[in-house]
Protein backbone atom coordinates (compact mmCIF):
# COMPACT_ATOMS: atom_id res chain seq x y z
CA UNK A 1 0.00 0.00 0.00
CA UNK A 2 1.04 3.59 -0.54
CA UNK A 3 -0.02 6.49 1.69
CA UNK A 4 -2.90 7.48 -0.57
CA UNK A 5 -4.45 4.00 -0.37
CA UNK A 6 -3.88 4.02 3.40
CA UNK A 7 -5.74 7.31 3.65
CA UNK A 8 -8.63 5.85 1.66
CA UNK A 9 -8.76 2.97 4.15
CA UNK A 10 -8.93 5.53 6.98
CA UNK A 11 -11.68 7.50 5.23
CA UNK A 12 -13.77 4.35 4.88
CA UNK A 13 -12.91 3.24 8.46
CA UNK A 14 -11.80 -0.12 7.08
CA UNK A 15 -11.20 -2.50 9.98
CA UNK A 16 -9.28 -4.89 7.72
CA UNK A 17 -6.21 -2.73 8.27
CA UNK A 18 -6.40 -2.45 12.07
CA UNK A 19 -2.97 -3.55 13.29
CA UNK A 20 -1.48 -3.40 9.79
CA UNK A 21 -0.67 0.31 10.09
CA UNK A 22 -1.48 3.20 12.41
CA UNK A 23 -2.63 6.74 11.73
CA UNK A 24 -0.86 9.58 13.54
CA UNK A 25 -2.51 13.03 13.49
CA UNK A 26 0.03 15.83 13.56
CA UNK A 27 -2.37 18.51 14.82
CA UNK A 28 -3.57 16.57 17.87
CA UNK A 29 -0.55 14.40 18.69
CA UNK A 30 -2.79 11.31 18.78
CA UNK A 31 -2.45 8.02 16.93
CA UNK A 32 -5.40 5.80 15.98
CA UNK A 33 -6.32 2.56 14.31
CA UNK A 34 -7.58 2.95 10.70
CA UNK A 35 -11.18 2.17 11.72
CA UNK A 36 -11.34 4.87 14.41
CA UNK A 37 -14.88 6.34 14.45
CA UNK A 38 -13.61 9.90 15.08
CA UNK A 39 -13.79 12.56 12.38
CA UNK A 40 -11.32 11.75 9.60
CA UNK A 41 -8.38 14.18 9.74
CA UNK A 42 -7.23 16.08 6.68
CA UNK A 43 -4.74 14.27 4.50
CA UNK A 44 -1.98 16.82 5.06
CA UNK A 45 -2.23 16.33 8.83
CA UNK A 46 -1.85 12.54 8.73
CA UNK A 47 1.26 10.43 9.05
CA UNK A 48 1.20 6.65 8.69
CA UNK A 49 3.31 4.43 10.92
CA UNK A 50 3.90 0.66 10.82
CA UNK A 51 3.52 -0.02 14.55
CA UNK A 52 2.17 1.39 17.78
CA UNK A 53 5.72 1.42 19.08
CA UNK A 54 6.79 3.69 16.21
CA UNK A 55 3.90 6.05 16.99
CA UNK A 56 4.83 6.20 20.67
CA UNK A 57 8.51 6.69 19.87
CA UNK A 58 7.55 9.61 17.61
CA UNK A 59 5.76 11.25 20.54
CA UNK A 60 2.14 10.40 19.73
CA UNK A 61 -0.27 9.20 22.41
CA UNK A 62 -2.98 6.57 22.03
CA UNK A 63 -6.52 7.59 21.11
CA UNK A 64 -8.85 6.97 24.05
CA UNK A 65 -11.76 6.30 21.72
CA UNK A 66 -10.41 3.55 19.43
CA UNK A 67 -7.64 2.17 21.69
CA UNK A 68 -5.09 1.48 18.95
CA UNK A 69 -2.88 -0.44 21.36
CA UNK A 70 -5.57 -3.16 21.58
CA UNK A 71 -5.88 -4.01 17.88
CA UNK A 72 -5.26 -7.53 16.56
CA UNK A 73 -1.65 -8.24 15.70
CA UNK A 74 -0.58 -8.11 12.08
CA UNK A 75 -1.14 -11.42 10.30
CA UNK A 76 2.13 -10.75 8.50
CA UNK A 77 4.09 -12.04 11.49
CA UNK A 78 2.23 -15.35 11.34
CA UNK A 79 3.05 -15.87 7.68
CA UNK A 80 6.60 -14.60 7.59
CA UNK A 81 9.45 -16.94 8.50
CA UNK A 82 12.29 -14.42 8.26
CA UNK A 83 14.19 -12.84 11.15
CA UNK A 84 11.76 -9.92 11.55
CA UNK A 85 8.71 -12.18 11.65
CA UNK A 86 10.37 -14.51 14.16
CA UNK A 87 11.50 -11.55 16.27
CA UNK A 88 7.98 -10.13 16.41
CA UNK A 89 6.57 -13.45 17.61
CA UNK A 90 9.22 -13.67 20.33
CA UNK A 91 8.76 -10.07 21.47
CA UNK A 92 5.01 -10.72 21.75
CA UNK A 93 5.77 -13.73 23.95
CA UNK A 94 7.83 -11.56 26.31
CA UNK A 95 11.35 -12.69 25.36
CA UNK A 96 12.79 -9.15 25.52
CA UNK A 97 11.24 -8.59 28.96
CA UNK A 98 12.73 -11.83 30.27
CA UNK A 99 16.04 -12.05 28.41
CA UNK A 100 16.71 -8.60 27.00
CA UNK A 101 17.74 -7.69 23.47
CA UNK A 102 20.83 -9.89 23.80
CA UNK A 103 18.61 -12.91 24.49
CA UNK A 104 16.39 -12.11 21.51
CA UNK A 105 19.42 -11.77 19.22
CA UNK A 106 20.91 -15.02 20.51
CA UNK A 107 17.71 -16.91 19.77
CA UNK A 108 17.63 -15.45 16.25
CA UNK A 109 21.30 -16.15 15.57
CA UNK A 110 22.06 -12.49 14.80
CA UNK A 111 23.92 -9.73 16.59
CA UNK A 112 21.87 -7.29 18.66
CA UNK A 113 22.87 -4.52 16.24
CA UNK A 114 21.53 -6.47 13.25
CA UNK A 115 18.24 -7.15 15.02
CA UNK A 116 17.80 -3.49 15.93
CA UNK A 117 18.58 -2.39 12.38
CA UNK A 118 16.14 -4.82 10.74
CA UNK A 119 13.27 -4.08 13.12
CA UNK A 120 13.76 -0.32 12.90
CA UNK A 121 13.84 -0.46 9.10
CA UNK A 122 10.52 -2.34 8.88
CA UNK A 123 8.59 -1.21 11.95
CA UNK A 124 10.02 2.18 12.75
CA UNK A 125 11.07 0.98 16.20
CA UNK A 126 13.71 -1.30 17.68
CA UNK A 127 13.13 -4.26 20.00
CA UNK A 128 13.27 -2.14 23.16
CA UNK A 129 10.62 0.27 21.87
CA UNK A 130 8.42 -2.59 20.66
CA UNK A 131 8.65 -4.31 24.04
CA UNK A 132 7.99 -1.00 25.83
CA UNK A 133 4.80 -0.45 23.81
CA UNK A 134 3.68 -3.94 24.79
CA UNK A 135 4.43 -3.24 28.46
CA UNK A 136 2.40 -0.04 28.26
CA UNK A 137 -0.59 -1.94 26.92
CA UNK A 138 -0.21 -4.55 29.69
CA UNK A 139 -0.07 -1.78 32.27
CA UNK A 140 -3.30 -0.26 30.96
CA UNK A 141 -5.09 -3.61 31.20
CA UNK A 142 -3.94 -4.17 34.78
CA UNK A 143 -4.72 -0.60 35.82
CA UNK A 144 -8.22 -0.66 34.38
CA UNK A 145 -9.30 -4.22 35.18
CA UNK A 146 -7.66 -5.05 38.52
CA UNK A 147 -7.23 -3.46 41.93
CA UNK A 148 -3.54 -4.31 42.20
CA UNK A 149 -1.46 -1.52 43.76
CA UNK A 150 0.11 0.71 41.12
CA UNK A 151 3.62 -0.15 42.30
CA UNK A 152 2.94 -3.87 41.79
CA UNK A 153 1.51 -3.16 38.34
CA UNK A 154 4.68 -1.32 37.36
CA UNK A 155 6.86 -4.38 37.90
CA UNK A 156 4.21 -6.87 36.76
CA UNK A 157 4.08 -5.03 33.42
CA UNK A 158 7.81 -5.53 32.94
CA UNK A 159 9.10 -2.07 33.85
CA UNK A 160 12.38 -1.91 35.77
CA UNK A 161 11.40 1.08 37.91
CA UNK A 162 8.30 2.95 39.03
CA UNK A 163 9.68 6.17 37.56
CA UNK A 164 10.10 4.56 34.13
CA UNK A 165 6.59 3.17 34.43
CA UNK A 166 5.09 6.56 35.30
CA UNK A 167 6.92 8.36 32.49
CA UNK A 168 5.99 5.76 29.87
CA UNK A 169 2.30 5.63 30.81
CA UNK A 170 2.11 9.44 30.82
CA UNK A 171 3.77 9.62 27.40
CA UNK A 172 1.60 6.87 25.93
CA UNK A 173 -1.79 7.99 27.25
CA UNK A 174 -1.31 11.60 28.41
CA UNK A 175 -2.46 10.46 31.85
CA UNK A 176 -0.79 9.41 35.06
CA UNK A 177 -1.27 5.74 36.07
CA UNK A 178 -3.87 6.76 38.66
CA UNK A 179 -5.62 8.97 36.09
CA UNK A 180 -5.63 6.10 33.58
CA UNK A 181 -7.19 3.86 36.21
CA UNK A 182 -9.87 6.43 36.95
CA UNK A 183 -10.60 6.84 33.23
CA UNK A 184 -11.49 3.16 32.77
CA UNK A 185 -14.63 2.86 30.59
CA UNK A 186 -16.26 0.59 33.14
CA UNK A 187 -15.05 -0.41 36.56
CA UNK A 188 -15.92 -3.79 37.98
CA UNK A 189 -18.15 -3.78 41.07
CA UNK A 190 -16.32 -3.64 44.34
CA UNK A 191 -16.75 -6.21 47.05
CA UNK A 192 -16.39 -9.97 47.51
CA UNK A 193 -18.72 -10.80 44.60
CA UNK A 194 -16.24 -9.44 42.06
CA UNK A 195 -15.02 -12.21 39.71
CA UNK A 196 -11.42 -13.30 40.11
CA UNK A 197 -8.81 -12.80 37.42
CA UNK A 198 -8.13 -10.26 34.69
CA UNK A 199 -11.03 -9.73 32.23
CA UNK A 200 -9.98 -9.08 28.64
CA UNK A 201 -11.38 -8.58 25.18
CA UNK A 202 -9.24 -10.46 22.68
CA UNK A 203 -9.66 -8.55 19.43
CA UNK A 204 -9.74 -10.11 15.99
CA UNK A 205 -10.40 -8.80 12.49
CA UNK A 206 -13.19 -9.78 10.13
CA UNK A 207 -15.60 -12.68 10.61
CA UNK A 208 -14.73 -15.36 13.15
CA UNK A 209 -16.10 -18.91 12.93
CA UNK A 210 -16.31 -19.39 16.69
CA UNK A 211 -18.51 -22.49 16.53
CA UNK A 212 -16.03 -24.44 14.43
CA UNK A 213 -13.06 -23.36 16.58
CA UNK A 214 -14.80 -24.40 19.79
CA UNK A 215 -15.93 -27.67 18.18
CA UNK A 216 -12.31 -28.37 17.21
CA UNK A 217 -11.00 -27.66 20.71
CA UNK A 218 -13.82 -29.50 22.47
CA UNK A 219 -13.23 -32.71 20.51
CA UNK A 220 -9.57 -32.61 21.62
CA UNK A 221 -9.96 -31.33 25.20
CA UNK A 222 -7.78 -33.34 27.60
CA UNK A 223 -9.14 -34.15 31.04
CA UNK A 224 -7.24 -32.33 33.77
CA UNK A 225 -5.85 -29.50 31.65
CA UNK A 226 -8.85 -28.52 29.47
CA UNK A 227 -12.61 -28.40 29.77
CA UNK A 228 -15.47 -26.96 27.74
CA UNK A 229 -18.56 -25.88 29.65
CA UNK A 230 -21.99 -24.93 28.38
CA UNK A 231 -24.03 -25.61 25.28
CA UNK A 232 -22.97 -24.79 21.70
CA UNK A 233 -23.26 -21.08 21.08
CA UNK A 234 -22.56 -20.21 24.71
CA UNK A 235 -19.60 -22.41 25.56
CA UNK A 236 -16.61 -21.51 27.73
CA UNK A 237 -13.26 -23.10 26.97
CA UNK A 238 -10.96 -23.34 29.98
CA UNK A 239 -7.40 -24.61 30.19
CA UNK A 240 -4.39 -24.52 32.48
CA UNK A 241 -1.20 -22.74 31.42
CA UNK A 242 2.43 -23.31 32.37
CA UNK A 243 3.95 -19.82 32.27
CA UNK A 244 7.44 -18.41 32.89
CA UNK A 245 6.66 -17.19 36.43
CA UNK A 246 3.99 -19.66 37.52
CA UNK A 247 0.76 -21.25 36.43
CA UNK A 248 -2.45 -19.79 35.11
CA UNK A 249 -5.94 -20.55 33.84
CA UNK A 250 -7.43 -19.07 30.67
CA UNK A 251 -11.19 -18.89 30.10
CA UNK A 252 -12.52 -17.90 26.68
CA UNK A 253 -16.21 -17.64 25.81
CA UNK A 254 -17.70 -18.65 22.49
CA UNK A 255 -20.00 -15.65 22.20
CA UNK A 256 -18.50 -12.88 20.09
CA UNK A 257 -19.91 -10.15 22.35
CA UNK A 258 -22.26 -7.38 21.29
CA UNK A 259 -23.51 -7.09 17.68
CA UNK A 260 -20.72 -5.70 15.52
CA UNK A 261 -18.08 -6.46 18.14
CA UNK A 262 -14.81 -8.00 17.07
CA UNK A 263 -13.53 -9.77 20.15
CA UNK A 264 -13.74 -12.88 22.30
CA UNK A 265 -14.29 -12.37 26.02
CA UNK A 266 -11.49 -13.85 28.09
CA UNK A 267 -10.54 -14.07 31.73
CA UNK A 268 -7.04 -14.93 32.94
CA UNK A 269 -6.37 -16.19 36.45
CA UNK A 270 -2.62 -15.91 37.05
CA UNK A 271 -0.41 -16.93 39.94
CA UNK A 272 1.94 -14.08 38.97
CA UNK A 273 0.72 -10.97 37.09
CA UNK A 274 4.07 -10.74 35.29
CA UNK A 275 2.78 -13.54 33.09
CA UNK A 276 -0.12 -11.50 31.69
CA UNK A 277 1.49 -10.61 28.35
CA UNK A 278 2.69 -14.15 27.73
CA UNK A 279 -0.69 -15.65 28.68
CA UNK A 280 -2.53 -13.26 26.35
CA UNK A 281 -0.28 -14.06 23.40
CA UNK A 282 -0.48 -17.82 23.91
CA UNK A 283 -4.26 -17.64 24.11
CA UNK A 284 -4.37 -15.53 20.97
CA UNK A 285 -2.22 -18.09 19.12
CA UNK A 286 -4.46 -20.94 20.28
CA UNK A 287 -7.55 -19.21 18.86
CA UNK A 288 -5.69 -17.82 15.79
CA UNK A 289 -6.91 -14.31 16.54
CA UNK A 290 -4.30 -12.46 14.49
CA UNK A 291 -5.29 -14.11 11.21
CA UNK A 292 -6.40 -12.10 8.20
CA UNK A 293 -9.66 -13.77 7.04
CA UNK A 294 -9.99 -11.28 4.19
CA UNK A 295 -6.71 -12.40 2.61
CA UNK A 296 -7.61 -16.06 3.15
CA UNK A 297 -11.05 -15.61 1.57
CA UNK A 298 -9.59 -13.68 -1.35
CA UNK A 299 -7.31 -16.61 -2.19
CA UNK A 300 -9.58 -19.55 -1.35
CA UNK A 301 -13.03 -18.07 -1.97
CA UNK A 302 -12.61 -17.96 -5.73
CA UNK A 303 -11.38 -21.53 -5.98
CA UNK A 304 -13.90 -23.79 -7.76
CA UNK A 305 -13.49 -26.53 -5.14
CA UNK A 306 -13.11 -24.55 -1.91
CA UNK A 307 -15.26 -21.55 -2.77
CA UNK A 308 -18.55 -23.07 -1.49
CA UNK A 309 -16.84 -24.17 1.75
CA UNK A 310 -15.41 -20.69 2.35
CA UNK A 311 -18.82 -19.12 1.74
CA UNK A 312 -20.44 -21.58 4.18
CA UNK A 313 -17.92 -20.94 6.97
CA UNK A 314 -16.66 -17.35 6.75
CA UNK A 315 -13.79 -16.59 9.10
CA UNK A 316 -12.74 -20.21 9.65
CA UNK A 317 -9.51 -20.25 11.66
CA UNK A 318 -6.58 -22.62 12.01
CA UNK A 319 -6.19 -23.11 15.79
CA UNK A 320 -2.65 -22.99 17.10
CA UNK A 321 -1.30 -24.11 20.46
CA UNK A 322 -1.02 -22.59 23.92
CA UNK A 323 2.13 -24.66 24.51
CA UNK A 324 4.14 -25.81 21.45
CA UNK A 325 5.93 -28.62 23.30
CA UNK A 326 2.63 -29.93 24.65
CA UNK A 327 1.27 -29.96 21.12
CA UNK A 328 4.25 -31.98 19.90
CA UNK A 329 3.58 -34.65 22.52
CA UNK A 330 -0.10 -34.69 21.62
CA UNK A 331 0.76 -35.09 17.93
CA UNK A 332 2.85 -38.19 18.69
CA UNK A 333 0.03 -39.61 20.80
CA UNK A 334 -2.30 -39.03 17.86
CA UNK A 335 -0.30 -41.14 15.43
CA UNK A 336 -2.45 -43.89 13.87
CA UNK A 337 -5.32 -43.44 16.34
CA UNK A 338 -8.60 -41.53 16.29
CA UNK A 339 -9.03 -38.09 17.85
CA UNK A 340 -10.92 -39.69 20.74
CA UNK A 341 -8.15 -42.25 21.20
CA UNK A 342 -5.45 -39.59 21.28
CA UNK A 343 -7.50 -37.59 23.76
CA UNK A 344 -7.80 -40.59 26.09
CA UNK A 345 -4.05 -41.30 25.89
CA UNK A 346 -3.24 -37.68 26.68
CA UNK A 347 -5.58 -37.73 29.69
CA UNK A 348 -3.79 -40.80 31.02
CA UNK A 349 -0.44 -39.09 30.48
CA UNK A 350 -1.55 -35.96 32.36
CA UNK A 351 -2.89 -37.99 35.30
CA UNK A 352 0.38 -39.95 35.58
CA UNK A 353 3.01 -37.28 34.90
CA UNK A 354 1.33 -33.85 34.93
CA UNK A 355 2.30 -31.24 37.50
CA UNK A 356 -0.64 -30.54 39.86
CA UNK A 357 -1.98 -27.01 40.04
CA UNK A 358 -1.61 -25.32 43.45
CA UNK A 359 -5.35 -25.91 43.83
CA UNK A 360 -7.83 -27.56 41.44
CA UNK A 361 -9.96 -25.11 39.48
CA UNK A 362 -13.16 -26.80 38.34
CA UNK A 363 -12.10 -29.70 36.14
CA UNK A 364 -8.56 -28.32 35.78
CA UNK A 365 -6.15 -30.14 38.04
CA UNK A 366 -2.74 -30.17 36.31
CA UNK A 367 -0.51 -28.48 33.80
CA UNK A 368 0.79 -30.63 30.98
CA UNK A 369 3.96 -32.64 31.79
CA UNK A 370 7.25 -31.04 30.76
CA UNK A 371 9.29 -32.86 28.10
CA UNK A 372 12.12 -33.50 30.57
CA UNK A 373 9.72 -35.39 32.84
CA UNK A 374 8.70 -37.69 29.96
CA UNK A 375 12.10 -38.21 28.33
CA UNK A 376 13.09 -40.95 30.79
CA UNK A 377 9.62 -42.09 31.89
CA UNK A 378 8.54 -45.71 31.26
CA UNK A 379 5.12 -44.57 29.95
CA UNK A 380 3.70 -48.03 30.60
CA UNK A 381 0.43 -46.43 31.76
CA UNK A 382 -0.35 -45.57 28.15
CA UNK A 383 -0.69 -49.16 26.97
CA UNK A 384 1.05 -48.32 23.69
CA UNK A 385 3.57 -50.50 21.84
CA UNK A 386 7.14 -49.96 22.98
CA UNK A 387 8.07 -48.52 19.57
CA UNK A 388 5.60 -45.64 20.02
CA UNK A 389 6.65 -45.08 23.62
CA UNK A 390 10.24 -44.91 22.40
CA UNK A 391 9.25 -42.31 19.81
CA UNK A 392 7.54 -40.22 22.48
CA UNK A 393 10.62 -40.36 24.72
CA UNK A 394 12.86 -39.48 21.78
CA UNK A 395 10.80 -36.41 20.89
CA UNK A 396 10.68 -35.27 24.52
CA UNK A 397 14.45 -35.68 24.88
CA UNK A 398 15.01 -33.59 21.74
CA UNK A 399 12.71 -30.88 23.10
CA UNK A 400 14.27 -30.96 26.55
CA UNK A 401 17.87 -30.63 25.37
CA UNK A 402 17.09 -28.05 22.67
CA UNK A 403 17.89 -30.27 19.68
CA UNK A 404 14.42 -29.32 18.39
CA UNK A 405 13.12 -25.82 19.21
CA UNK A 406 9.41 -25.03 18.96
CA UNK A 407 9.25 -21.65 20.69
CA UNK A 408 7.32 -18.70 19.21
CA UNK A 409 10.30 -17.55 17.15
CA UNK A 410 11.55 -20.96 16.06
CA UNK A 411 12.77 -21.45 12.50
CA UNK A 412 9.98 -23.56 10.99
CA UNK A 413 12.09 -25.26 8.34
CA UNK A 414 14.82 -26.11 10.82
CA UNK A 415 12.29 -27.43 13.35
CA UNK A 416 10.63 -29.65 10.73
CA UNK A 417 14.00 -31.04 9.62
CA UNK A 418 14.88 -31.76 13.23
CA UNK A 419 11.59 -33.56 13.82
CA UNK A 420 11.88 -35.67 10.65
CA UNK A 421 15.37 -36.74 11.72
CA UNK A 422 13.89 -38.38 14.85
CA UNK A 423 13.02 -42.03 14.64
CA UNK A 424 9.27 -42.59 14.46
CA UNK A 425 8.39 -39.09 13.19
CA UNK A 426 6.97 -38.92 9.69
CA UNK A 427 5.63 -36.16 7.46
CA UNK A 428 2.14 -36.14 9.01
CA UNK A 429 3.41 -35.62 12.56
CA UNK A 430 6.02 -33.03 11.57
CA UNK A 431 3.49 -31.17 9.42
CA UNK A 432 0.81 -31.16 12.10
CA UNK A 433 3.32 -29.80 14.64
CA UNK A 434 4.44 -27.17 12.14
CA UNK A 435 0.87 -26.08 11.51
CA UNK A 436 -0.31 -25.85 15.10
CA UNK A 437 2.74 -25.51 17.35
CA UNK A 438 4.59 -23.14 15.01
CA UNK A 439 1.52 -21.40 13.61
CA UNK A 440 2.43 -21.94 9.96
CA UNK A 441 -0.53 -20.87 7.78
CA UNK A 442 0.70 -22.84 4.75
CA UNK A 443 0.77 -26.53 5.73
CA UNK A 444 -1.07 -29.25 3.82
CA UNK A 445 -1.20 -32.80 5.21
CA UNK A 446 -1.53 -34.83 2.04
CA UNK A 447 -1.38 -38.14 3.94
CA UNK A 448 -4.19 -37.29 6.36
CA UNK A 449 -7.24 -39.53 6.00
CA UNK A 450 -9.65 -36.66 6.70
CA UNK A 451 -7.97 -34.51 4.06
CA UNK A 452 -8.19 -37.26 1.47
CA UNK A 453 -11.88 -37.69 2.24
CA UNK A 454 -12.39 -33.93 2.06
CA UNK A 455 -10.77 -33.87 -1.37
CA UNK A 456 -13.18 -36.58 -2.50
CA UNK A 457 -16.17 -34.70 -1.06
CA UNK A 458 -15.23 -31.51 -2.91
CA UNK A 459 -14.04 -33.27 -6.05
CA UNK A 460 -10.65 -31.53 -5.81
CA UNK A 461 -7.53 -33.33 -7.06
CA UNK A 462 -4.55 -33.32 -4.70
CA UNK A 463 -2.64 -31.06 -7.07
CA UNK A 464 -5.26 -28.33 -6.52
CA UNK A 465 -3.64 -27.57 -3.15
CA UNK A 466 -0.78 -25.74 -4.89
CA UNK A 467 -3.24 -23.00 -5.86
CA UNK A 468 -4.20 -22.54 -2.20
CA UNK A 469 -0.80 -21.20 -1.11
CA UNK A 470 0.03 -19.41 1.17
CA UNK A 471 -3.12 -20.37 3.13
CA UNK A 472 -3.16 -24.15 2.83
CA UNK A 473 -3.61 -24.64 6.58
CA UNK A 474 -6.97 -22.89 6.30
CA UNK A 475 -7.85 -24.97 3.24
CA UNK A 476 -7.05 -28.07 5.29
CA UNK A 477 -9.50 -27.01 8.01
CA UNK A 478 -12.18 -26.38 5.41
CA UNK A 479 -11.66 -29.94 4.12
CA UNK A 480 -11.79 -31.37 7.64
CA UNK A 481 -15.05 -29.55 8.33
CA UNK A 482 -16.51 -30.78 5.03
CA UNK A 483 -15.54 -34.33 6.03
CA UNK A 484 -17.12 -33.96 9.48
CA UNK A 485 -20.33 -32.56 8.02
CA UNK A 486 -20.55 -35.36 5.43
CA UNK A 487 -19.93 -38.05 8.04
CA UNK A 488 -22.56 -36.57 10.35
CA UNK A 489 -25.09 -36.42 7.52
CA UNK A 490 -24.39 -40.02 6.49
CA UNK A 491 -24.72 -41.21 10.09
CA UNK A 492 -28.02 -39.36 10.50
CA UNK A 493 -29.37 -40.75 7.23
CA UNK A 494 -28.36 -44.29 8.17
CA UNK A 495 -30.10 -43.96 11.53
CA UNK A 496 -33.22 -42.46 9.98
CA UNK A 497 -33.44 -45.37 7.55
CA UNK A 498 -33.82 -47.65 10.59
CA UNK A 499 -35.82 -45.20 12.73
CA UNK A 500 -37.89 -42.86 10.52
CA UNK A 501 -39.08 -40.88 13.54
CA UNK A 502 -35.58 -39.58 14.21
CA UNK A 503 -35.06 -35.91 13.12
CA UNK A 504 -33.06 -35.48 9.94
CA UNK A 505 -30.88 -32.59 11.18
CA UNK A 506 -27.21 -33.69 11.06
CA UNK A 507 -25.37 -33.89 14.34
CA UNK A 508 -22.93 -31.11 15.07
CA UNK A 509 -19.43 -32.30 14.11
């Protein structure tokens, strides 16, 4: 895009570009998201910036009306596998806060100077400024949704001093921390009835196929670390989280909020508030909230085979993983068994080797076992052949000693090569891990039985998948959903042939 096309997007308040670029108004000193409902500024008074961090570094403060710091992340960082894309995923996960710029550079295999130069060239801000903008957003959430003392919030947000915290909040919002707290749009009721945890709105762009995402997660929910409560349309997905400073619980509701809203309601219960940023990002990756459904639909919607599926399920997402190493273990457990079988095996594994939560929370009792705890475990409780138990131990040993890295900034090609080099890991397992644990939007599992059936249902030849790049992961989910719908219809028809009084509505997949 050039600046003229960006200005047209601002004039039309086009939410497709929220998070892709930011609009800074020279006359007011405020920066906004493109879809801000305020009066459109004159073209000569507008400057376009690639990130909120760049806007803050240039001296602009966040608009209180559109909250540009709360937009969905750019889908570009999900698709890109270069150093800048990997760096952005790691910064979002809190690597700079925990390990500094030196730690980020070490993980990328570059010098700190190279990392700063590349990020500044593309985003208008270096890693420190990008992390600072993220800390500022975390501080606003804690100030406006919790009653934590302001001093505790300063350090929980990742700031090294209260003075730095005060100065950054004042520069970012033109308010003191106490003033920002008082300006909260809605304060929770005081008293013992107040719900625990940090309430959040996890923003996304475009349509969001919540039913299909919750169906996908519910079918795979593991006893002890996940549960889905409520009826379809009003479900709550809950899971435990192993975080850098402690444990946590994430709750996400299926309802998309008020009409026209673009968020999922979430509540995070954290043992340590310093884990807020990391918990938010991992939950966002699990629900694929930074995807660009417009770009996906533009590529897949015109395809003669996938077009009807895309029209039937607008905004279908490709769920990621809250814990990449957990997902790798689950993928191995899922080899050559059904989804229900893999779920049962994982539940047995959690009961035998999972780390108990400090206190059970509903049906959540553990966090998933760490790879190091499984690398030498006998795993006899699983009742699997020794060859598959050996594969599981091999994968866990590779994850524990760093031979295979699956963190948010991992090199996807390198990780897949490392997985395929392990005995017992084939293309399906490596591809599934790449798609979900590493968030790759362009994976196609040609050997998957559900995919083959989906191709038959749509009449698409296998070679058609080449035209679906770079969004083949989303095409794969469309095929899986087509397979589930066909199987449900066939099962209902077979039952009705025996019992004509049974309703003909297919079961929900």
